[in-house]
């Protein structure tokens, strides 16, 4: 799949994680001081523009040096606003990009993406799914992370997490070698997550494992999830390779779209655990970026919901 298509998915995921997309206009690039508010509101009510949908009844206020915003319609038309001042969305002029341009490719996937995309309430939706599984009775924990697939060997610790409707249960986390069924790690905890320190003391690159979470004393049917430990530096090499693709396309993306671009690219490579870990790492490195947290969390919970029962 072409790099352009992945970027399309990211731009649109930014948009879809809001309260709807009825107007079909989205901000996909923001630089400098760009604010937005309702057209009839005073400009001092404007808030910083974020990636995602904008509407005909809003106005954009651009101020400061080198400030700009790029908007895209679902028809593929583009508007780049550069001039300082107040710009009413309903009065902006959009133009069709050339057929072979990057933004032209973006438009080709526009409608199909939104037909299949989920709402912004990913976390709440996932929790409701977990509670629905139990139906008021004690059920087996649902394994969240790691998901089935590769895990990097580039981290000193690895957090395992699961969801369950019980708030007072003890949980026994166990990791087994896949081929021999030999237990390599076990821990009893009251929490629904546990960080395994010195992770590579228990697992080895190139080998497969599976993990389970059981409730001691209960007779339930428990699920197990398999993972494989990748070669040293594979995680960082994969990210570097994606970054090089961006550079080859001469795309200088800002933090939020770049993060989601890399996550989507990793997902397309069947490296969902890499994608989740990358999103969490970006959250740690940028603790004050609320939209980054919102969107990477939504990515994570969307993957969890898709994996229920798998």
C-alpha atoms as a PDB file:
ATOM      1  CA  UNK A   1       0.000   0.000   0.000  1.00  0.00           C
ATOM      2  CA  UNK A   2       1.365   3.410  -0.908  1.00  0.00           C
ATOM      3  CA  UNK A   3       2.610   5.842   1.708  1.00  0.00           C
ATOM      4  CA  UNK A   4       0.003   8.354   0.568  1.00  0.00           C
ATOM      5  CA  UNK A   5      -2.821   6.071   1.603  1.00  0.00           C
ATOM      6  CA  UNK A   6      -1.480   5.686   5.124  1.00  0.00           C
ATOM      7  CA  UNK A   7      -1.244   9.431   5.556  1.00  0.00           C
ATOM      8  CA  UNK A   8      -4.825   9.679   4.358  1.00  0.00           C
ATOM      9  CA  UNK A   9      -5.966   7.342   7.095  1.00  0.00           C
ATOM     10  CA  UNK A  10      -4.136   9.361   9.711  1.00  0.00           C
ATOM     11  CA  UNK A  11      -5.495  12.695   8.587  1.00  0.00           C
ATOM     12  CA  UNK A  12      -8.974  11.272   8.639  1.00  0.00           C
ATOM     13  CA  UNK A  13      -8.575   9.556  11.989  1.00  0.00           C
ATOM     14  CA  UNK A  14      -7.711  12.968  13.410  1.00  0.00           C
ATOM     15  CA  UNK A  15     -10.993  14.251  12.036  1.00  0.00           C
ATOM     16  CA  UNK A  16     -13.165  11.317  13.012  1.00  0.00           C
ATOM     17  CA  UNK A  17     -12.215  11.418  16.678  1.00  0.00           C
ATOM     18  CA  UNK A  18     -14.527  14.364  17.152  1.00  0.00           C
ATOM     19  CA  UNK A  19     -18.283  14.753  17.449  1.00  0.00           C
ATOM     20  CA  UNK A  20     -19.113  14.231  13.825  1.00  0.00           C
ATOM     21  CA  UNK A  21     -18.195  15.140  10.320  1.00  0.00           C
ATOM     22  CA  UNK A  22     -21.218  16.680   8.665  1.00  0.00           C
ATOM     23  CA  UNK A  23     -19.544  19.592   6.885  1.00  0.00           C
ATOM     24  CA  UNK A  24     -16.687  17.696   5.226  1.00  0.00           C
ATOM     25  CA  UNK A  25     -13.893  20.202   5.914  1.00  0.00           C
ATOM     26  CA  UNK A  26     -10.873  19.376   8.034  1.00  0.00           C
ATOM     27  CA  UNK A  27      -7.713  21.070   9.273  1.00  0.00           C
ATOM     28  CA  UNK A  28      -4.791  18.775   8.494  1.00  0.00           C
ATOM     29  CA  UNK A  29      -1.870  21.172   8.936  1.00  0.00           C
ATOM     30  CA  UNK A  30      -1.509  23.969  11.500  1.00  0.00           C
ATOM     31  CA  UNK A  31       1.495  26.208  12.024  1.00  0.00           C
ATOM     32  CA  UNK A  32       1.907  29.161  14.355  1.00  0.00           C
ATOM     33  CA  UNK A  33      -0.932  31.014  16.048  1.00  0.00           C
ATOM     34  CA  UNK A  34      -4.224  29.865  14.509  1.00  0.00           C
ATOM     35  CA  UNK A  35      -7.454  30.163  16.491  1.00  0.00           C
ATOM     36  CA  UNK A  36     -11.091  29.340  15.792  1.00  0.00           C
ATOM     37  CA  UNK A  37     -14.534  30.251  17.095  1.00  0.00           C
ATOM     38  CA  UNK A  38     -18.118  30.661  15.918  1.00  0.00           C
ATOM     39  CA  UNK A  39     -18.577  33.289  13.226  1.00  0.00           C
ATOM     40  CA  UNK A  40     -20.841  35.398  15.437  1.00  0.00           C
ATOM     41  CA  UNK A  41     -18.618  35.206  18.505  1.00  0.00           C
ATOM     42  CA  UNK A  42     -16.105  37.941  19.362  1.00  0.00           C
ATOM     43  CA  UNK A  43     -12.557  37.073  18.419  1.00  0.00           C
ATOM     44  CA  UNK A  44     -11.419  37.056  22.037  1.00  0.00           C
ATOM     45  CA  UNK A  45     -13.532  33.916  22.498  1.00  0.00           C
ATOM     46  CA  UNK A  46     -11.443  32.009  19.958  1.00  0.00           C
ATOM     47  CA  UNK A  47      -9.489  28.931  21.022  1.00  0.00           C
ATOM     48  CA  UNK A  48      -6.458  27.297  19.472  1.00  0.00           C
ATOM     49  CA  UNK A  49      -7.372  25.365  16.343  1.00  0.00           C
ATOM     50  CA  UNK A  50      -6.771  21.620  16.542  1.00  0.00           C
ATOM     51  CA  UNK A  51      -6.503  18.971  13.868  1.00  0.00           C
ATOM     52  CA  UNK A  52      -9.918  17.803  12.780  1.00  0.00           C
ATOM     53  CA  UNK A  53     -13.244  19.129  11.526  1.00  0.00           C
ATOM     54  CA  UNK A  54     -14.129  22.771  10.980  1.00  0.00           C
ATOM     55  CA  UNK A  55     -17.570  24.057  10.044  1.00  0.00           C
ATOM     56  CA  UNK A  56     -19.197  26.696   7.857  1.00  0.00           C
ATOM     57  CA  UNK A  57     -20.437  28.633  10.894  1.00  0.00           C
ATOM     58  CA  UNK A  58     -16.899  29.158  12.207  1.00  0.00           C
ATOM     59  CA  UNK A  59     -14.090  31.620  11.562  1.00  0.00           C
ATOM     60  CA  UNK A  60     -10.325  31.198  11.710  1.00  0.00           C
ATOM     61  CA  UNK A  61      -8.060  33.888  13.134  1.00  0.00           C
ATOM     62  CA  UNK A  62      -4.432  33.878  11.993  1.00  0.00           C
ATOM     63  CA  UNK A  63      -1.831  36.005  13.738  1.00  0.00           C
ATOM     64  CA  UNK A  64       1.900  36.069  14.201  1.00  0.00           C
ATOM     65  CA  UNK A  65       4.783  35.346  11.892  1.00  0.00           C
ATOM     66  CA  UNK A  66       4.596  32.318   9.568  1.00  0.00           C
ATOM     67  CA  UNK A  67       1.178  31.216  10.871  1.00  0.00           C
ATOM     68  CA  UNK A  68      -0.884  29.149   8.435  1.00  0.00           C
ATOM     69  CA  UNK A  69      -3.468  26.400   8.182  1.00  0.00           C
ATOM     70  CA  UNK A  70      -4.298  23.897   5.452  1.00  0.00           C
ATOM     71  CA  UNK A  71      -7.890  22.707   5.050  1.00  0.00           C
ATOM     72  CA  UNK A  72      -9.178  19.837   2.916  1.00  0.00           C
ATOM     73  CA  UNK A  73     -12.721  19.123   1.737  1.00  0.00           C
ATOM     74  CA  UNK A  74     -14.074  15.616   1.304  1.00  0.00           C
ATOM     75  CA  UNK A  75     -14.200  16.357  -2.420  1.00  0.00           C
ATOM     76  CA  UNK A  76     -10.406  16.648  -2.373  1.00  0.00           C
ATOM     77  CA  UNK A  77     -10.328  20.426  -2.713  1.00  0.00           C
ATOM     78  CA  UNK A  78      -7.679  22.253  -0.709  1.00  0.00           C
ATOM     79  CA  UNK A  79      -7.403  25.677   0.887  1.00  0.00           C
ATOM     80  CA  UNK A  80      -4.203  26.979   2.451  1.00  0.00           C
ATOM     81  CA  UNK A  81      -4.787  30.110   4.534  1.00  0.00           C
ATOM     82  CA  UNK A  82      -1.646  32.205   4.989  1.00  0.00           C
ATOM     83  CA  UNK A  83      -2.724  35.826   5.409  1.00  0.00           C
ATOM     84  CA  UNK A  84      -3.015  37.240   8.933  1.00  0.00           C
ATOM     85  CA  UNK A  85      -6.524  38.225   9.950  1.00  0.00           C
ATOM     86  CA  UNK A  86      -9.991  36.725  10.275  1.00  0.00           C
ATOM     87  CA  UNK A  87     -11.178  34.168   7.710  1.00  0.00           C
ATOM     88  CA  UNK A  88     -14.758  32.849   7.603  1.00  0.00           C
ATOM     89  CA  UNK A  89     -14.900  29.176   6.671  1.00  0.00           C
ATOM     90  CA  UNK A  90     -17.976  29.716   4.504  1.00  0.00           C
ATOM     91  CA  UNK A  91     -16.104  32.319   2.428  1.00  0.00           C
ATOM     92  CA  UNK A  92     -12.867  30.433   1.819  1.00  0.00           C
ATOM     93  CA  UNK A  93     -11.924  29.435  -1.711  1.00  0.00           C
ATOM     94  CA  UNK A  94     -10.924  25.805  -2.224  1.00  0.00           C
ATOM     95  CA  UNK A  95      -9.116  24.525  -5.307  1.00  0.00           C
ATOM     96  CA  UNK A  96      -8.761  21.063  -6.765  1.00  0.00           C
ATOM     97  CA  UNK A  97      -5.199  19.702  -6.515  1.00  0.00           C
ATOM     98  CA  UNK A  98      -3.553  18.166  -9.543  1.00  0.00           C
ATOM     99  CA  UNK A  99      -4.558  14.575 -10.220  1.00  0.00           C
ATOM    100  CA  UNK A 100      -1.244  13.069  -9.189  1.00  0.00           C
ATOM    101  CA  UNK A 101      -0.583  15.284  -6.170  1.00  0.00           C
ATOM    102  CA  UNK A 102      -0.382  13.978  -2.633  1.00  0.00           C
ATOM    103  CA  UNK A 103      -3.571  15.746  -1.601  1.00  0.00           C
ATOM    104  CA  UNK A 104      -5.303  14.337  -4.636  1.00  0.00           C
ATOM    105  CA  UNK A 105      -4.443  10.874  -3.357  1.00  0.00           C
ATOM    106  CA  UNK A 106      -5.746  11.884   0.071  1.00  0.00           C
ATOM    107  CA  UNK A 107      -9.133  12.782  -1.381  1.00  0.00           C
ATOM    108  CA  UNK A 108      -9.488   9.426  -3.157  1.00  0.00           C
ATOM    109  CA  UNK A 109      -9.881   7.600   0.162  1.00  0.00           C
ATOM    110  CA  UNK A 110     -11.987  10.216   1.907  1.00  0.00           C
ATOM    111  CA  UNK A 111     -15.540   8.875   1.862  1.00  0.00           C
ATOM    112  CA  UNK A 112     -14.692   5.187   2.280  1.00  0.00           C
ATOM    113  CA  UNK A 113     -12.686   5.947   5.401  1.00  0.00           C
ATOM    114  CA  UNK A 114     -15.506   7.731   7.187  1.00  0.00           C
ATOM    115  CA  UNK A 115     -18.014   5.054   6.320  1.00  0.00           C
ATOM    116  CA  UNK A 116     -16.029   2.552   8.395  1.00  0.00           C
ATOM    117  CA  UNK A 117     -14.540   4.721  11.130  1.00  0.00           C
ATOM    118  CA  UNK A 118     -15.597   4.621  14.771  1.00  0.00           C
ATOM    119  CA  UNK A 119     -16.655   7.425  17.096  1.00  0.00           C
ATOM    120  CA  UNK A 120     -14.489   9.288  19.579  1.00  0.00           C
ATOM    121  CA  UNK A 121     -15.780   7.374  22.597  1.00  0.00           C
ATOM    122  CA  UNK A 122     -13.310   4.520  22.077  1.00  0.00           C
ATOM    123  CA  UNK A 123     -12.372   3.993  25.723  1.00  0.00           C
ATOM    124  CA  UNK A 124     -15.932   4.131  27.025  1.00  0.00           C
ATOM    125  CA  UNK A 125     -17.128   1.891  24.225  1.00  0.00           C
ATOM    126  CA  UNK A 126     -14.444  -0.658  25.041  1.00  0.00           C
ATOM    127  CA  UNK A 127     -15.298  -0.655  28.750  1.00  0.00           C
ATOM    128  CA  UNK A 128     -18.968  -1.168  27.952  1.00  0.00           C
ATOM    129  CA  UNK A 129     -18.024  -4.138  25.784  1.00  0.00           C
ATOM    130  CA  UNK A 130     -16.111  -5.684  28.696  1.00  0.00           C
ATOM    131  CA  UNK A 131     -19.031  -5.221  31.087  1.00  0.00           C
ATOM    132  CA  UNK A 132     -21.388  -6.705  28.515  1.00  0.00           C
ATOM    133  CA  UNK A 133     -19.248  -9.848  28.367  1.00  0.00           C
ATOM    134  CA  UNK A 134     -19.648 -10.488  32.107  1.00  0.00           C
ATOM    135  CA  UNK A 135     -23.415  -9.779  32.200  1.00  0.00           C
ATOM    136  CA  UNK A 136     -23.174  -9.316  35.969  1.00  0.00           C
ATOM    137  CA  UNK A 137     -21.382 -12.633  36.561  1.00  0.00           C
ATOM    138  CA  UNK A 138     -17.710 -13.379  37.156  1.00  0.00           C
ATOM    139  CA  UNK A 139     -16.039 -13.776  33.776  1.00  0.00           C
ATOM    140  CA  UNK A 140     -12.450 -14.343  32.752  1.00  0.00           C
ATOM    141  CA  UNK A 141     -10.262 -11.238  32.373  1.00  0.00           C
ATOM    142  CA  UNK A 142      -9.911  -9.864  28.852  1.00  0.00           C
ATOM    143  CA  UNK A 143      -6.265  -9.598  27.839  1.00  0.00           C
ATOM    144  CA  UNK A 144      -5.412  -6.115  26.569  1.00  0.00           C
ATOM    145  CA  UNK A 145      -1.687  -5.694  26.089  1.00  0.00           C
ATOM    146  CA  UNK A 146       0.447  -7.065  24.601  1.00  0.00           C
ATOM    147  CA  UNK A 147      -1.765  -8.087  21.707  1.00  0.00           C
ATOM    148  CA  UNK A 148      -1.011 -11.016  19.454  1.00  0.00           C
ATOM    149  CA  UNK A 149       2.102 -10.299  17.404  1.00  0.00           C
ATOM    150  CA  UNK A 150       5.650  -9.085  17.803  1.00  0.00           C
ATOM    151  CA  UNK A 151       7.022  -7.378  20.899  1.00  0.00           C
ATOM    152  CA  UNK A 152      10.268  -5.405  20.748  1.00  0.00           C
ATOM    153  CA  UNK A 153      13.374  -6.539  22.614  1.00  0.00           C
ATOM    154  CA  UNK A 154      14.463  -2.925  23.050  1.00  0.00           C
ATOM    155  CA  UNK A 155      12.793  -2.186  26.397  1.00  0.00           C
ATOM    156  CA  UNK A 156      14.031  -2.979  29.901  1.00  0.00           C
ATOM    157  CA  UNK A 157      10.469  -3.420  31.135  1.00  0.00           C
ATOM    158  CA  UNK A 158       7.139  -4.402  29.593  1.00  0.00           C
ATOM    159  CA  UNK A 159       3.702  -3.659  31.002  1.00  0.00           C
ATOM    160  CA  UNK A 160       1.012  -6.332  30.725  1.00  0.00           C
ATOM    161  CA  UNK A 161      -2.573  -5.143  31.158  1.00  0.00           C
ATOM    162  CA  UNK A 162      -6.050  -6.643  31.152  1.00  0.00           C
ATOM    163  CA  UNK A 163      -9.661  -5.573  31.677  1.00  0.00           C
ATOM    164  CA  UNK A 164     -12.139  -7.079  34.096  1.00  0.00           C
ATOM    165  CA  UNK A 165     -15.375  -6.048  35.771  1.00  0.00           C
ATOM    166  CA  UNK A 166     -14.173  -7.109  39.248  1.00  0.00           C
ATOM    167  CA  UNK A 167     -12.471  -4.433  41.370  1.00  0.00           C
ATOM    168  CA  UNK A 168     -11.409  -6.674  44.270  1.00  0.00           C
ATOM    169  CA  UNK A 169     -10.096  -9.811  42.553  1.00  0.00           C
ATOM    170  CA  UNK A 170      -6.608 -11.230  42.757  1.00  0.00           C
ATOM    171  CA  UNK A 171      -5.011 -11.932  39.384  1.00  0.00           C
ATOM    172  CA  UNK A 172      -2.260 -14.370  38.506  1.00  0.00           C
ATOM    173  CA  UNK A 173      -0.279 -13.179  35.483  1.00  0.00           C
ATOM    174  CA  UNK A 174       1.714 -15.988  33.882  1.00  0.00           C
ATOM    175  CA  UNK A 175       3.993 -16.070  30.835  1.00  0.00           C
ATOM    176  CA  UNK A 176       4.849 -19.362  29.119  1.00  0.00           C
ATOM    177  CA  UNK A 177       7.263 -20.363  26.400  1.00  0.00           C
ATOM    178  CA  UNK A 178       5.096 -21.211  23.409  1.00  0.00           C
ATOM    179  CA  UNK A 179       6.751 -24.423  22.184  1.00  0.00           C
ATOM    180  CA  UNK A 180       7.633 -26.075  25.493  1.00  0.00           C
ATOM    181  CA  UNK A 181       4.754 -24.661  27.600  1.00  0.00           C
ATOM    182  CA  UNK A 182       7.352 -23.950  30.300  1.00  0.00           C
ATOM    183  CA  UNK A 183       6.387 -21.176  32.714  1.00  0.00           C
ATOM    184  CA  UNK A 184       8.936 -18.331  32.541  1.00  0.00           C
ATOM    185  CA  UNK A 185       7.218 -15.725  34.719  1.00  0.00           C
ATOM    186  CA  UNK A 186       4.379 -15.555  37.235  1.00  0.00           C
ATOM    187  CA  UNK A 187       3.085 -12.814  39.521  1.00  0.00           C
ATOM    188  CA  UNK A 188       0.041 -12.386  41.773  1.00  0.00           C
ATOM    189  CA  UNK A 189      -1.457  -8.882  41.897  1.00  0.00           C
ATOM    190  CA  UNK A 190      -4.611  -6.981  42.811  1.00  0.00           C
ATOM    191  CA  UNK A 191      -4.080  -4.562  39.950  1.00  0.00           C
ATOM    192  CA  UNK A 192      -5.161  -4.949  36.331  1.00  0.00           C
ATOM    193  CA  UNK A 193      -1.715  -4.272  34.990  1.00  0.00           C
ATOM    194  CA  UNK A 194       1.796  -5.305  35.916  1.00  0.00           C
ATOM    195  CA  UNK A 195       5.125  -4.027  34.652  1.00  0.00           C
ATOM    196  CA  UNK A 196       7.636  -6.844  34.247  1.00  0.00           C
ATOM    197  CA  UNK A 197      11.022  -5.365  35.095  1.00  0.00           C
ATOM    198  CA  UNK A 198      14.176  -6.717  33.423  1.00  0.00           C
ATOM    199  CA  UNK A 199      11.878  -8.234  30.803  1.00  0.00           C
ATOM    200  CA  UNK A 200      14.701  -9.843  28.817  1.00  0.00           C
ATOM    201  CA  UNK A 201      15.669 -11.925  31.846  1.00  0.00           C
ATOM    202  CA  UNK A 202      12.520 -13.950  31.143  1.00  0.00           C
ATOM    203  CA  UNK A 203      12.164 -13.844  27.358  1.00  0.00           C
ATOM    204  CA  UNK A 204      14.621 -14.097  24.473  1.00  0.00           C
ATOM    205  CA  UNK A 205      14.680 -12.522  20.978  1.00  0.00           C
ATOM    206  CA  UNK A 206      13.388 -14.820  18.246  1.00  0.00           C
ATOM    207  CA  UNK A 207      11.295 -16.960  20.604  1.00  0.00           C
ATOM    208  CA  UNK A 208       7.508 -17.189  20.951  1.00  0.00           C
ATOM    209  CA  UNK A 209       5.533 -16.964  24.178  1.00  0.00           C
ATOM    210  CA  UNK A 210       1.958 -16.738  25.391  1.00  0.00           C
ATOM    211  CA  UNK A 211       0.429 -15.149  28.468  1.00  0.00           C
ATOM    212  CA  UNK A 212      -2.645 -15.669  30.603  1.00  0.00           C
ATOM    213  CA  UNK A 213      -4.340 -13.951  33.526  1.00  0.00           C
ATOM    214  CA  UNK A 214      -6.261 -16.216  35.897  1.00  0.00           C
ATOM    215  CA  UNK A 215      -8.330 -15.609  39.015  1.00  0.00           C
ATOM    216  CA  UNK A 216      -7.111 -18.027  41.708  1.00  0.00           C
ATOM    217  CA  UNK A 217      -9.808 -20.385  42.935  1.00  0.00           C
ATOM    218  CA  UNK A 218     -12.189 -19.769  40.038  1.00  0.00           C
ATOM    219  CA  UNK A 219     -13.177 -22.331  37.443  1.00  0.00           C
ATOM    220  CA  UNK A 220     -13.296 -20.217  34.288  1.00  0.00           C
ATOM    221  CA  UNK A 221     -12.221 -20.678  30.696  1.00  0.00           C
ATOM    222  CA  UNK A 222      -9.233 -18.376  30.274  1.00  0.00           C
ATOM    223  CA  UNK A 223      -7.880 -16.935  27.056  1.00  0.00           C
ATOM    224  CA  UNK A 224      -4.202 -16.836  26.138  1.00  0.00           C
ATOM    225  CA  UNK A 225      -2.415 -14.475  23.781  1.00  0.00           C
ATOM    226  CA  UNK A 226       0.747 -15.213  21.863  1.00  0.00           C
ATOM    227  CA  UNK A 227       3.645 -12.867  21.245  1.00  0.00           C
ATOM    228  CA  UNK A 228       7.060 -13.144  19.652  1.00  0.00           C
ATOM    229  CA  UNK A 229      10.146 -11.265  20.794  1.00  0.00           C
ATOM    230  CA  UNK A 230      11.736  -9.473  17.848  1.00  0.00           C
ATOM    231  CA  UNK A 231      15.424  -9.042  17.144  1.00  0.00           C
ATOM    232  CA  UNK A 232      17.381  -6.347  18.907  1.00  0.00           C
ATOM    233  CA  UNK A 233      16.790  -2.826  17.519  1.00  0.00           C
ATOM    234  CA  UNK A 234      13.960  -3.974  15.216  1.00  0.00           C
ATOM    235  CA  UNK A 235      11.540  -1.543  16.885  1.00  0.00           C
ATOM    236  CA  UNK A 236      13.783   1.459  16.288  1.00  0.00           C
ATOM    237  CA  UNK A 237      14.737   0.300  12.796  1.00  0.00           C
ATOM    238  CA  UNK A 238      11.071   0.052  11.785  1.00  0.00           C
ATOM    239  CA  UNK A 239      10.378   3.579  13.001  1.00  0.00           C
ATOM    240  CA  UNK A 240      13.493   4.898  11.282  1.00  0.00           C
ATOM    241  CA  UNK A 241      12.406   3.248   8.031  1.00  0.00           C
ATOM    242  CA  UNK A 242       9.004   4.949   8.206  1.00  0.00           C
ATOM    243  CA  UNK A 243      10.630   8.275   9.006  1.00  0.00           C
ATOM    244  CA  UNK A 244      12.840   7.862   5.943  1.00  0.00           C
ATOM    245  CA  UNK A 245       9.722   7.303   3.812  1.00  0.00           C
ATOM    246  CA  UNK A 246       8.350  10.587   5.074  1.00  0.00           C
ATOM    247  CA  UNK A 247      11.568  12.346   4.173  1.00  0.00           C
ATOM    248  CA  UNK A 248      11.555  10.801   0.698  1.00  0.00           C
ATOM    249  CA  UNK A 249       8.078  12.288   0.152  1.00  0.00           C
ATOM    250  CA  UNK A 250       9.324  15.641   1.467  1.00  0.00           C
ATOM    251  CA  UNK A 251       6.647  15.587   4.149  1.00  0.00           C
ATOM    252  CA  UNK A 252       7.471  17.604   7.236  1.00  0.00           C
ATOM    253  CA  UNK A 253       4.687  16.582   9.592  1.00  0.00           C
ATOM    254  CA  UNK A 254       3.952  18.078  12.977  1.00  0.00           C
ATOM    255  CA  UNK A 255       3.984  15.938  16.120  1.00  0.00           C
ATOM    256  CA  UNK A 256       0.375  14.756  16.205  1.00  0.00           C
ATOM    257  CA  UNK A 257      -0.065  13.769  12.533  1.00  0.00           C
ATOM    258  CA  UNK A 258       3.447  12.311  12.434  1.00  0.00           C
ATOM    259  CA  UNK A 259       2.767  10.150  15.491  1.00  0.00           C
ATOM    260  CA  UNK A 260      -0.472   8.823  14.051  1.00  0.00           C
ATOM    261  CA  UNK A 261       1.166   8.345  10.667  1.00  0.00           C
ATOM    262  CA  UNK A 262       3.845   6.138  12.213  1.00  0.00           C
ATOM    263  CA  UNK A 263       1.250   4.239  14.247  1.00  0.00           C
ATOM    264  CA  UNK A 264      -0.856   3.569  11.159  1.00  0.00           C
ATOM    265  CA  UNK A 265       2.187   2.519   9.162  1.00  0.00           C
ATOM    266  CA  UNK A 266       3.248   0.090  11.906  1.00  0.00           C
ATOM    267  CA  UNK A 267      -0.281  -1.278  12.037  1.00  0.00           C
ATOM    268  CA  UNK A 268      -0.223  -1.961   8.300  1.00  0.00           C
ATOM    269  CA  UNK A 269       2.993  -3.932   8.880  1.00  0.00           C
ATOM    270  CA  UNK A 270       1.162  -6.121  11.448  1.00  0.00           C
ATOM    271  CA  UNK A 271       3.172  -4.509  14.239  1.00  0.00           C
ATOM    272  CA  UNK A 272       0.272  -3.433  16.426  1.00  0.00           C
ATOM    273  CA  UNK A 273       2.272  -3.727  19.662  1.00  0.00           C
ATOM    274  CA  UNK A 274       4.971  -1.507  18.198  1.00  0.00           C
ATOM    275  CA  UNK A 275       2.285   1.026  17.249  1.00  0.00           C
ATOM    276  CA  UNK A 276       0.797   1.087  20.745  1.00  0.00           C
ATOM    277  CA  UNK A 277       4.195   1.365  22.423  1.00  0.00           C
ATOM    278  CA  UNK A 278       5.193   4.179  20.089  1.00  0.00           C
ATOM    279  CA  UNK A 279       2.030   6.105  20.945  1.00  0.00           C
ATOM    280  CA  UNK A 280       2.649   5.664  24.665  1.00  0.00           C
ATOM    281  CA  UNK A 281       6.273   6.750  24.286  1.00  0.00           C
ATOM    282  CA  UNK A 282       5.151   9.916  22.518  1.00  0.00           C
ATOM    283  CA  UNK A 283       2.733  10.634  25.356  1.00  0.00           C
ATOM    284  CA  UNK A 284       5.568  10.315  27.880  1.00  0.00           C
ATOM    285  CA  UNK A 285       7.829  12.566  25.822  1.00  0.00           C
ATOM    286  CA  UNK A 286       5.074  15.172  25.344  1.00  0.00           C
ATOM    287  CA  UNK A 287       3.047  15.101  28.589  1.00  0.00           C
ATOM    288  CA  UNK A 288       1.354  18.461  27.983  1.00  0.00           C
ATOM    289  CA  UNK A 289      -0.017  17.656  24.530  1.00  0.00           C
ATOM    290  CA  UNK A 290      -3.641  16.828  25.295  1.00  0.00           C
ATOM    291  CA  UNK A 291      -4.670  16.113  21.716  1.00  0.00           C
ATOM    292  CA  UNK A 292      -1.777  13.704  21.272  1.00  0.00           C
ATOM    293  CA  UNK A 293      -2.949  11.780  24.332  1.00  0.00           C
ATOM    294  CA  UNK A 294      -6.575  11.831  23.191  1.00  0.00           C
ATOM    295  CA  UNK A 295      -5.812  10.503  19.734  1.00  0.00           C
ATOM    296  CA  UNK A 296      -3.201   7.906  20.673  1.00  0.00           C
ATOM    297  CA  UNK A 297      -5.483   6.634  23.449  1.00  0.00           C
ATOM    298  CA  UNK A 298      -8.329   6.411  20.947  1.00  0.00           C
ATOM    299  CA  UNK A 299      -6.050   4.455  18.598  1.00  0.00           C
ATOM    300  CA  UNK A 300      -5.224   2.037  21.421  1.00  0.00           C
ATOM    301  CA  UNK A 301      -8.804   1.447  22.551  1.00  0.00           C
ATOM    302  CA  UNK A 302      -9.965   1.075  18.985  1.00  0.00           C
ATOM    303  CA  UNK A 303      -7.456  -1.757  18.537  1.00  0.00           C
ATOM    304  CA  UNK A 304      -8.552  -3.358  21.798  1.00  0.00           C
ATOM    305  CA  UNK A 305     -12.199  -3.318  20.787  1.00  0.00           C
ATOM    306  CA  UNK A 306     -11.355  -4.810  17.406  1.00  0.00           C
ATOM    307  CA  UNK A 307      -9.472  -7.623  19.148  1.00  0.00           C
ATOM    308  CA  UNK A 308     -12.218  -8.705  21.551  1.00  0.00           C
ATOM    309  CA  UNK A 309     -12.727 -12.431  21.101  1.00  0.00           C
ATOM    310  CA  UNK A 310      -9.715 -12.871  18.817  1.00  0.00           C
END
